[in-house]
């Protein structure tokens, strides 16, 4: 991972990293951080099962790293001689917004039926966190791979 981070830093300093790609990395970092903070909050204050949180986080990471990262290609642009990304996606924002809407719905409408032990939203957040972390790390690997294959 250190090699991939160094590659990204070197490309950014040399001006060989597309600005949209830098914004994607920053966006993924902050979304991952926000979901992590929300997950830790749920873990300690809502007594979520640690094993379930770790399991679903790993499951989400695998999805994010191997599937979602491949959906948005990072390539070497021969014409501009920079590492560039394909189309910009809003998957991260949509996933977090869906989770927030789901959490509000569960908290307001279904809490009487399921009580405080309702862990589905905690495990769904763990999956989203893992997916965002996988996409964040996978983006570094994709940048490194595009730079090597140029």
N, C-alpha and C. Protein backbone atom coordinates (compact mmCIF):
# COMPACT_ATOMS: atom_id res chain seq x y z
N UNK A 1 0.83 -1.20 0.00
CA UNK A 1 0.00 0.00 0.00
C UNK A 1 0.87 1.25 0.00
N UNK A 2 2.01 1.17 0.68
CA UNK A 2 2.90 2.34 0.74
C UNK A 2 3.37 2.74 -0.66
N UNK A 3 3.67 1.76 -1.50
CA UNK A 3 4.11 2.03 -2.86
C UNK A 3 3.03 2.77 -3.65
N UNK A 4 1.77 2.36 -3.48
CA UNK A 4 0.67 2.99 -4.19
C UNK A 4 0.47 4.43 -3.72
N UNK A 5 0.61 4.67 -2.43
CA UNK A 5 0.48 6.03 -1.90
C UNK A 5 1.61 6.91 -2.43
N UNK A 6 2.81 6.38 -2.46
CA UNK A 6 3.95 7.14 -2.99
C UNK A 6 3.76 7.45 -4.47
N UNK A 7 3.21 6.50 -5.23
CA UNK A 7 2.95 6.73 -6.65
C UNK A 7 1.94 7.87 -6.82
N UNK A 8 0.88 7.86 -6.04
CA UNK A 8 -0.14 8.92 -6.13
C UNK A 8 0.47 10.27 -5.76
N UNK A 9 1.25 10.32 -4.69
CA UNK A 9 1.89 11.58 -4.29
C UNK A 9 2.82 12.08 -5.38
N UNK A 10 3.62 11.20 -5.97
CA UNK A 10 4.55 11.59 -7.03
C UNK A 10 3.81 12.11 -8.26
N UNK A 11 2.74 11.42 -8.65
CA UNK A 11 1.96 11.86 -9.81
C UNK A 11 1.29 13.20 -9.55
N UNK A 12 0.80 13.41 -8.33
CA UNK A 12 0.14 14.67 -8.00
C UNK A 12 1.14 15.82 -8.05
N UNK A 13 2.33 15.62 -7.49
CA UNK A 13 3.36 16.67 -7.50
C UNK A 13 3.82 16.99 -8.91
N UNK A 14 3.85 15.96 -9.77
CA UNK A 14 4.29 16.16 -11.15
C UNK A 14 3.17 16.69 -12.04
N UNK A 15 1.96 16.84 -11.51
CA UNK A 15 0.83 17.33 -12.31
C UNK A 15 0.30 16.29 -13.27
N UNK A 16 0.54 15.02 -12.98
CA UNK A 16 0.12 13.94 -13.87
C UNK A 16 -1.11 13.20 -13.37
N UNK A 17 -1.84 13.82 -12.44
CA UNK A 17 -3.04 13.23 -11.88
C UNK A 17 -4.20 14.16 -12.17
N UNK A 18 -5.21 13.64 -12.84
CA UNK A 18 -6.38 14.45 -13.20
C UNK A 18 -7.05 15.01 -11.94
N UNK A 19 -7.48 16.25 -12.03
CA UNK A 19 -8.09 16.93 -10.88
C UNK A 19 -9.33 16.19 -10.38
N UNK A 20 -10.16 15.67 -11.30
CA UNK A 20 -11.36 14.92 -10.88
C UNK A 20 -10.98 13.68 -10.09
N UNK A 21 -9.86 13.08 -10.42
CA UNK A 21 -9.41 11.89 -9.69
C UNK A 21 -8.96 12.26 -8.28
N UNK A 22 -8.31 13.40 -8.14
CA UNK A 22 -7.92 13.89 -6.81
C UNK A 22 -9.17 14.15 -5.99
N UNK A 23 -10.19 14.77 -6.58
CA UNK A 23 -11.44 15.02 -5.87
C UNK A 23 -12.12 13.71 -5.46
N UNK A 24 -12.04 12.71 -6.30
CA UNK A 24 -12.63 11.41 -5.97
C UNK A 24 -11.94 10.81 -4.75
N UNK A 25 -10.62 10.89 -4.72
CA UNK A 25 -9.88 10.36 -3.57
C UNK A 25 -10.28 11.09 -2.30
N UNK A 26 -10.37 12.40 -2.36
CA UNK A 26 -10.75 13.20 -1.19
C UNK A 26 -12.18 12.85 -0.77
N UNK A 27 -13.09 12.76 -1.75
CA UNK A 27 -14.48 12.42 -1.45
C UNK A 27 -14.59 11.05 -0.80
N UNK A 28 -13.90 10.06 -1.34
CA UNK A 28 -13.94 8.72 -0.77
C UNK A 28 -13.35 8.69 0.64
N UNK A 29 -12.30 9.47 0.86
CA UNK A 29 -11.71 9.53 2.19
C UNK A 29 -12.71 10.06 3.21
N UNK A 30 -13.36 11.18 2.89
CA UNK A 30 -14.28 11.77 3.85
C UNK A 30 -15.54 10.91 4.06
N UNK A 31 -16.04 10.30 3.01
CA UNK A 31 -17.20 9.42 3.17
C UNK A 31 -16.82 8.20 4.01
N UNK A 32 -15.64 7.65 3.78
CA UNK A 32 -15.17 6.52 4.58
C UNK A 32 -15.01 6.93 6.04
N UNK A 33 -14.46 8.10 6.27
CA UNK A 33 -14.28 8.60 7.64
C UNK A 33 -15.62 8.81 8.34
N UNK A 34 -16.57 9.40 7.65
CA UNK A 34 -17.90 9.64 8.23
C UNK A 34 -18.60 8.33 8.56
N UNK A 35 -18.54 7.37 7.65
CA UNK A 35 -19.20 6.09 7.93
C UNK A 35 -18.49 5.35 9.06
N UNK A 36 -17.17 5.50 9.16
CA UNK A 36 -16.44 4.87 10.26
C UNK A 36 -16.87 5.45 11.60
N UNK A 37 -16.97 6.78 11.68
CA UNK A 37 -17.38 7.43 12.92
C UNK A 37 -18.80 7.00 13.29
N UNK A 38 -19.70 6.95 12.32
CA UNK A 38 -21.07 6.51 12.59
C UNK A 38 -21.09 5.05 13.05
N UNK A 39 -20.23 4.22 12.46
CA UNK A 39 -20.17 2.81 12.83
C UNK A 39 -19.65 2.64 14.26
N UNK A 40 -18.60 3.36 14.61
CA UNK A 40 -18.06 3.28 15.97
C UNK A 40 -19.11 3.75 16.97
N UNK A 41 -19.83 4.80 16.64
CA UNK A 41 -20.90 5.30 17.50
C UNK A 41 -21.95 4.21 17.73
N UNK A 42 -22.39 3.58 16.65
CA UNK A 42 -23.39 2.51 16.76
C UNK A 42 -22.83 1.31 17.52
N UNK A 43 -21.57 1.01 17.29
CA UNK A 43 -20.96 -0.15 17.93
C UNK A 43 -20.96 -0.01 19.46
N UNK A 44 -20.61 1.16 19.94
CA UNK A 44 -20.49 1.34 21.38
C UNK A 44 -21.79 1.76 22.05
N UNK A 45 -22.59 2.57 21.39
CA UNK A 45 -23.80 3.07 22.05
C UNK A 45 -25.04 2.23 21.78
N UNK A 46 -25.05 1.48 20.71
CA UNK A 46 -26.21 0.64 20.41
C UNK A 46 -25.92 -0.84 20.59
N UNK A 47 -24.78 -1.15 21.20
CA UNK A 47 -24.42 -2.53 21.53
C UNK A 47 -24.51 -3.49 20.34
N UNK A 48 -23.92 -3.09 19.23
CA UNK A 48 -23.89 -3.98 18.07
C UNK A 48 -22.93 -5.13 18.33
N UNK A 49 -23.18 -6.23 17.69
CA UNK A 49 -22.33 -7.40 17.77
C UNK A 49 -21.03 -7.12 17.02
N UNK A 50 -19.89 -7.15 17.73
CA UNK A 50 -18.60 -6.85 17.13
C UNK A 50 -18.27 -7.82 15.99
N UNK A 51 -18.55 -9.10 16.18
CA UNK A 51 -18.28 -10.08 15.13
C UNK A 51 -19.06 -9.74 13.86
N UNK A 52 -20.34 -9.38 14.01
CA UNK A 52 -21.16 -9.02 12.85
C UNK A 52 -20.63 -7.78 12.15
N UNK A 53 -20.21 -6.79 12.93
CA UNK A 53 -19.66 -5.56 12.34
C UNK A 53 -18.39 -5.87 11.56
N UNK A 54 -17.50 -6.66 12.14
CA UNK A 54 -16.25 -7.01 11.45
C UNK A 54 -16.55 -7.83 10.20
N UNK A 55 -17.45 -8.80 10.31
CA UNK A 55 -17.80 -9.64 9.17
C UNK A 55 -18.35 -8.80 8.01
N UNK A 56 -19.33 -7.94 8.31
CA UNK A 56 -19.95 -7.15 7.25
C UNK A 56 -19.00 -6.08 6.72
N UNK A 57 -18.09 -5.58 7.55
CA UNK A 57 -17.09 -4.62 7.07
C UNK A 57 -16.14 -5.30 6.08
N UNK A 58 -15.72 -6.51 6.40
CA UNK A 58 -14.83 -7.25 5.49
C UNK A 58 -15.57 -7.60 4.20
N UNK A 59 -16.83 -8.02 4.33
CA UNK A 59 -17.64 -8.30 3.15
C UNK A 59 -17.76 -7.06 2.26
N UNK A 60 -18.04 -5.91 2.86
CA UNK A 60 -18.14 -4.66 2.11
C UNK A 60 -16.82 -4.26 1.49
N UNK A 61 -15.71 -4.49 2.21
CA UNK A 61 -14.39 -4.18 1.67
C UNK A 61 -14.11 -4.98 0.42
N UNK A 62 -14.41 -6.27 0.47
CA UNK A 62 -14.18 -7.13 -0.70
C UNK A 62 -15.01 -6.63 -1.89
N UNK A 63 -16.27 -6.30 -1.62
CA UNK A 63 -17.12 -5.76 -2.70
C UNK A 63 -16.54 -4.46 -3.24
N UNK A 64 -16.16 -3.55 -2.36
CA UNK A 64 -15.64 -2.26 -2.78
C UNK A 64 -14.34 -2.37 -3.54
N UNK A 65 -13.45 -3.22 -3.04
CA UNK A 65 -12.12 -3.32 -3.65
C UNK A 65 -12.16 -4.05 -4.99
N UNK A 66 -12.87 -5.16 -5.05
CA UNK A 66 -12.82 -6.00 -6.25
C UNK A 66 -13.92 -5.69 -7.27
N UNK A 67 -15.04 -5.16 -6.84
CA UNK A 67 -16.14 -4.94 -7.78
C UNK A 67 -16.35 -3.46 -8.07
N UNK A 68 -16.60 -2.65 -7.04
CA UNK A 68 -16.93 -1.25 -7.26
C UNK A 68 -15.76 -0.45 -7.83
N UNK A 69 -14.51 -0.81 -7.45
CA UNK A 69 -13.35 -0.11 -8.00
C UNK A 69 -13.23 -0.37 -9.50
N UNK A 70 -13.56 -1.55 -9.93
CA UNK A 70 -13.46 -1.89 -11.36
C UNK A 70 -14.55 -1.23 -12.19
N UNK A 71 -15.62 -0.81 -11.56
CA UNK A 71 -16.71 -0.16 -12.30
C UNK A 71 -16.28 1.21 -12.82
N UNK A 72 -15.34 1.85 -12.17
CA UNK A 72 -14.87 3.18 -12.55
C UNK A 72 -13.39 3.09 -12.91
N UNK A 73 -13.14 2.99 -14.18
CA UNK A 73 -11.79 2.76 -14.66
C UNK A 73 -10.89 3.98 -14.42
N UNK A 74 -9.65 3.70 -14.06
CA UNK A 74 -8.60 4.70 -13.99
C UNK A 74 -7.60 4.29 -15.05
N UNK A 75 -7.31 5.21 -15.98
CA UNK A 75 -6.48 4.88 -17.14
C UNK A 75 -5.44 5.98 -17.37
N UNK A 76 -4.43 5.62 -18.14
CA UNK A 76 -3.45 6.60 -18.57
C UNK A 76 -3.97 7.25 -19.85
N UNK A 77 -4.17 8.56 -19.83
CA UNK A 77 -4.65 9.30 -20.98
C UNK A 77 -3.45 9.69 -21.84
N UNK A 78 -3.28 9.01 -22.98
CA UNK A 78 -2.13 9.24 -23.85
C UNK A 78 -2.08 10.67 -24.38
N UNK A 79 -3.25 11.21 -24.69
CA UNK A 79 -3.31 12.55 -25.28
C UNK A 79 -2.84 13.62 -24.30
N UNK A 80 -3.34 13.57 -23.08
CA UNK A 80 -2.97 14.59 -22.08
C UNK A 80 -1.78 14.17 -21.22
N UNK A 81 -1.36 12.92 -21.34
CA UNK A 81 -0.26 12.35 -20.58
C UNK A 81 -0.46 12.50 -19.07
N UNK A 82 -1.64 12.08 -18.61
CA UNK A 82 -1.96 12.09 -17.19
C UNK A 82 -2.76 10.82 -16.86
N UNK A 83 -2.81 10.51 -15.58
CA UNK A 83 -3.68 9.44 -15.12
C UNK A 83 -5.06 10.06 -14.95
N UNK A 84 -6.05 9.50 -15.63
CA UNK A 84 -7.39 10.08 -15.63
C UNK A 84 -8.41 9.00 -15.26
N UNK A 85 -9.57 9.46 -14.85
CA UNK A 85 -10.63 8.53 -14.52
C UNK A 85 -11.70 8.56 -15.59
N UNK A 86 -12.48 7.49 -15.61
CA UNK A 86 -13.60 7.45 -16.52
C UNK A 86 -14.70 8.37 -16.03
N UNK A 87 -15.92 7.98 -16.27
CA UNK A 87 -17.05 8.81 -15.85
C UNK A 87 -17.09 8.94 -14.33
N UNK A 88 -17.53 10.10 -13.88
CA UNK A 88 -17.66 10.35 -12.44
C UNK A 88 -18.94 9.71 -11.96
N UNK A 89 -18.85 9.03 -10.85
CA UNK A 89 -20.05 8.37 -10.33
C UNK A 89 -20.44 8.96 -8.98
N UNK A 90 -21.68 8.77 -8.66
CA UNK A 90 -22.20 9.25 -7.39
C UNK A 90 -22.57 8.09 -6.47
N UNK A 91 -21.99 6.93 -6.74
CA UNK A 91 -22.33 5.75 -5.97
C UNK A 91 -22.12 5.96 -4.47
N UNK A 92 -21.01 6.58 -4.11
CA UNK A 92 -20.72 6.79 -2.69
C UNK A 92 -21.77 7.65 -2.03
N UNK A 93 -22.09 8.77 -2.67
CA UNK A 93 -23.09 9.66 -2.09
C UNK A 93 -24.45 8.99 -2.01
N UNK A 94 -24.82 8.29 -3.06
CA UNK A 94 -26.12 7.62 -3.08
C UNK A 94 -26.21 6.57 -1.98
N UNK A 95 -25.15 5.78 -1.79
CA UNK A 95 -25.17 4.76 -0.74
C UNK A 95 -25.33 5.38 0.64
N UNK A 96 -24.59 6.46 0.91
CA UNK A 96 -24.70 7.10 2.21
C UNK A 96 -26.08 7.73 2.39
N UNK A 97 -26.62 8.36 1.36
CA UNK A 97 -27.95 8.95 1.47
C UNK A 97 -29.03 7.89 1.68
N UNK A 98 -28.90 6.76 1.00
CA UNK A 98 -29.84 5.66 1.19
C UNK A 98 -29.75 5.15 2.63
N UNK A 99 -28.53 5.03 3.13
CA UNK A 99 -28.38 4.57 4.51
C UNK A 99 -29.02 5.54 5.48
N UNK A 100 -28.78 6.83 5.31
CA UNK A 100 -29.35 7.84 6.22
C UNK A 100 -30.87 7.80 6.16
N UNK A 101 -31.44 7.71 4.96
CA UNK A 101 -32.89 7.63 4.83
C UNK A 101 -33.42 6.35 5.50
N UNK A 102 -32.72 5.27 5.31
CA UNK A 102 -33.11 4.00 5.92
C UNK A 102 -33.04 4.09 7.44
N UNK A 103 -31.99 4.72 7.92
CA UNK A 103 -31.81 4.86 9.38
C UNK A 103 -32.92 5.72 9.99
N UNK A 104 -33.28 6.78 9.30
CA UNK A 104 -34.37 7.63 9.78
C UNK A 104 -35.68 6.86 9.79
N UNK A 105 -35.93 6.12 8.72
CA UNK A 105 -37.16 5.32 8.64
C UNK A 105 -37.22 4.30 9.77
N UNK A 106 -36.13 3.59 9.99
CA UNK A 106 -36.10 2.58 11.05
C UNK A 106 -36.26 3.25 12.41
N UNK A 107 -35.55 4.35 12.61
CA UNK A 107 -35.60 5.04 13.90
C UNK A 107 -36.96 5.62 14.22
N UNK A 108 -37.65 6.13 13.21
CA UNK A 108 -38.93 6.79 13.46
C UNK A 108 -40.13 5.85 13.34
N UNK A 109 -40.12 5.01 12.33
CA UNK A 109 -41.31 4.24 12.02
C UNK A 109 -41.30 2.81 12.57
N UNK A 110 -40.15 2.18 12.59
CA UNK A 110 -40.12 0.76 12.92
C UNK A 110 -39.55 0.46 14.30
N UNK A 111 -39.10 1.47 15.02
CA UNK A 111 -38.47 1.23 16.32
C UNK A 111 -39.43 0.56 17.30
N UNK A 112 -40.70 0.91 17.24
CA UNK A 112 -41.68 0.30 18.15
C UNK A 112 -41.82 -1.20 17.90
N UNK A 113 -41.64 -1.61 16.65
CA UNK A 113 -41.80 -3.01 16.31
C UNK A 113 -40.55 -3.84 16.62
N UNK A 114 -39.36 -3.22 16.45
CA UNK A 114 -38.13 -3.98 16.60
C UNK A 114 -37.34 -3.62 17.85
N UNK A 115 -37.63 -2.53 18.50
CA UNK A 115 -36.95 -2.14 19.73
C UNK A 115 -35.51 -1.72 19.49
N UNK A 116 -34.75 -1.71 20.56
CA UNK A 116 -33.36 -1.26 20.48
C UNK A 116 -32.42 -2.32 19.91
N UNK A 117 -32.84 -3.57 19.88
CA UNK A 117 -31.97 -4.63 19.40
C UNK A 117 -31.94 -4.78 17.90
N UNK A 118 -32.52 -3.86 17.18
CA UNK A 118 -32.59 -3.95 15.73
C UNK A 118 -31.22 -3.62 15.14
N UNK A 119 -30.48 -4.64 14.66
CA UNK A 119 -29.09 -4.47 14.24
C UNK A 119 -28.90 -4.36 12.73
N UNK A 120 -29.96 -4.46 12.00
CA UNK A 120 -29.81 -4.46 10.54
C UNK A 120 -29.15 -3.18 10.04
N UNK A 121 -29.56 -2.04 10.57
CA UNK A 121 -28.95 -0.80 10.09
C UNK A 121 -27.49 -0.69 10.49
N UNK A 122 -27.10 -1.27 11.62
CA UNK A 122 -25.69 -1.27 12.01
C UNK A 122 -24.86 -2.13 11.07
N UNK A 123 -25.39 -3.29 10.71
CA UNK A 123 -24.65 -4.15 9.80
C UNK A 123 -24.64 -3.60 8.37
N UNK A 124 -25.71 -2.92 7.98
CA UNK A 124 -25.70 -2.29 6.66
C UNK A 124 -24.69 -1.15 6.63
N UNK A 125 -24.56 -0.43 7.73
CA UNK A 125 -23.54 0.63 7.80
C UNK A 125 -22.15 0.02 7.75
N UNK A 126 -21.95 -1.11 8.41
CA UNK A 126 -20.65 -1.78 8.36
C UNK A 126 -20.31 -2.19 6.93
N UNK A 127 -21.31 -2.67 6.19
CA UNK A 127 -21.08 -3.04 4.79
C UNK A 127 -20.74 -1.82 3.95
N UNK A 128 -21.44 -0.71 4.19
CA UNK A 128 -21.15 0.53 3.45
C UNK A 128 -19.75 1.02 3.79
N UNK A 129 -19.40 1.00 5.08
CA UNK A 129 -18.05 1.42 5.49
C UNK A 129 -16.99 0.57 4.79
N UNK A 130 -17.16 -0.73 4.83
CA UNK A 130 -16.20 -1.61 4.17
C UNK A 130 -16.11 -1.36 2.68
N UNK A 131 -17.26 -1.13 2.04
CA UNK A 131 -17.28 -0.83 0.61
C UNK A 131 -16.56 0.46 0.27
N UNK A 132 -16.78 1.49 1.09
CA UNK A 132 -16.11 2.77 0.85
C UNK A 132 -14.61 2.66 1.08
N UNK A 133 -14.21 1.93 2.12
CA UNK A 133 -12.79 1.72 2.39
C UNK A 133 -12.15 0.93 1.24
N UNK A 134 -12.86 -0.09 0.76
CA UNK A 134 -12.36 -0.86 -0.38
C UNK A 134 -12.21 -0.03 -1.63
N UNK A 135 -13.18 0.84 -1.89
CA UNK A 135 -13.08 1.72 -3.06
C UNK A 135 -11.94 2.72 -2.90
N UNK A 136 -11.78 3.25 -1.69
CA UNK A 136 -10.71 4.22 -1.42
C UNK A 136 -9.35 3.58 -1.68
N UNK A 137 -9.11 2.42 -1.09
CA UNK A 137 -7.82 1.74 -1.28
C UNK A 137 -7.69 1.23 -2.71
N UNK A 138 -8.77 0.73 -3.27
CA UNK A 138 -8.74 0.25 -4.66
C UNK A 138 -8.42 1.34 -5.66
N UNK A 139 -8.82 2.57 -5.37
CA UNK A 139 -8.50 3.70 -6.27
C UNK A 139 -6.99 3.93 -6.30
N UNK A 140 -6.33 3.81 -5.15
CA UNK A 140 -4.87 3.94 -5.13
C UNK A 140 -4.21 2.85 -5.97
N UNK A 141 -4.70 1.62 -5.83
CA UNK A 141 -4.16 0.52 -6.63
C UNK A 141 -4.42 0.74 -8.12
N UNK A 142 -5.58 1.26 -8.46
CA UNK A 142 -5.90 1.51 -9.87
C UNK A 142 -5.00 2.60 -10.46
N UNK A 143 -4.73 3.63 -9.68
CA UNK A 143 -3.84 4.71 -10.15
C UNK A 143 -2.44 4.15 -10.36
N UNK A 144 -1.96 3.38 -9.41
CA UNK A 144 -0.63 2.79 -9.53
C UNK A 144 -0.55 1.87 -10.76
N UNK A 145 -1.58 1.07 -10.95
CA UNK A 145 -1.62 0.14 -12.09
C UNK A 145 -1.64 0.91 -13.41
N UNK A 146 -2.43 1.97 -13.50
CA UNK A 146 -2.50 2.77 -14.73
C UNK A 146 -1.15 3.43 -15.03
N UNK A 147 -0.47 3.87 -13.98
CA UNK A 147 0.84 4.51 -14.16
C UNK A 147 1.89 3.49 -14.63
N UNK A 148 1.84 2.29 -14.08
CA UNK A 148 2.80 1.24 -14.45
C UNK A 148 2.55 0.78 -15.89
N UNK A 149 1.30 0.68 -16.30
CA UNK A 149 0.96 0.15 -17.61
C UNK A 149 1.06 1.17 -18.75
N UNK A 150 1.37 2.41 -18.43
CA UNK A 150 1.42 3.44 -19.48
C UNK A 150 2.48 3.10 -20.46
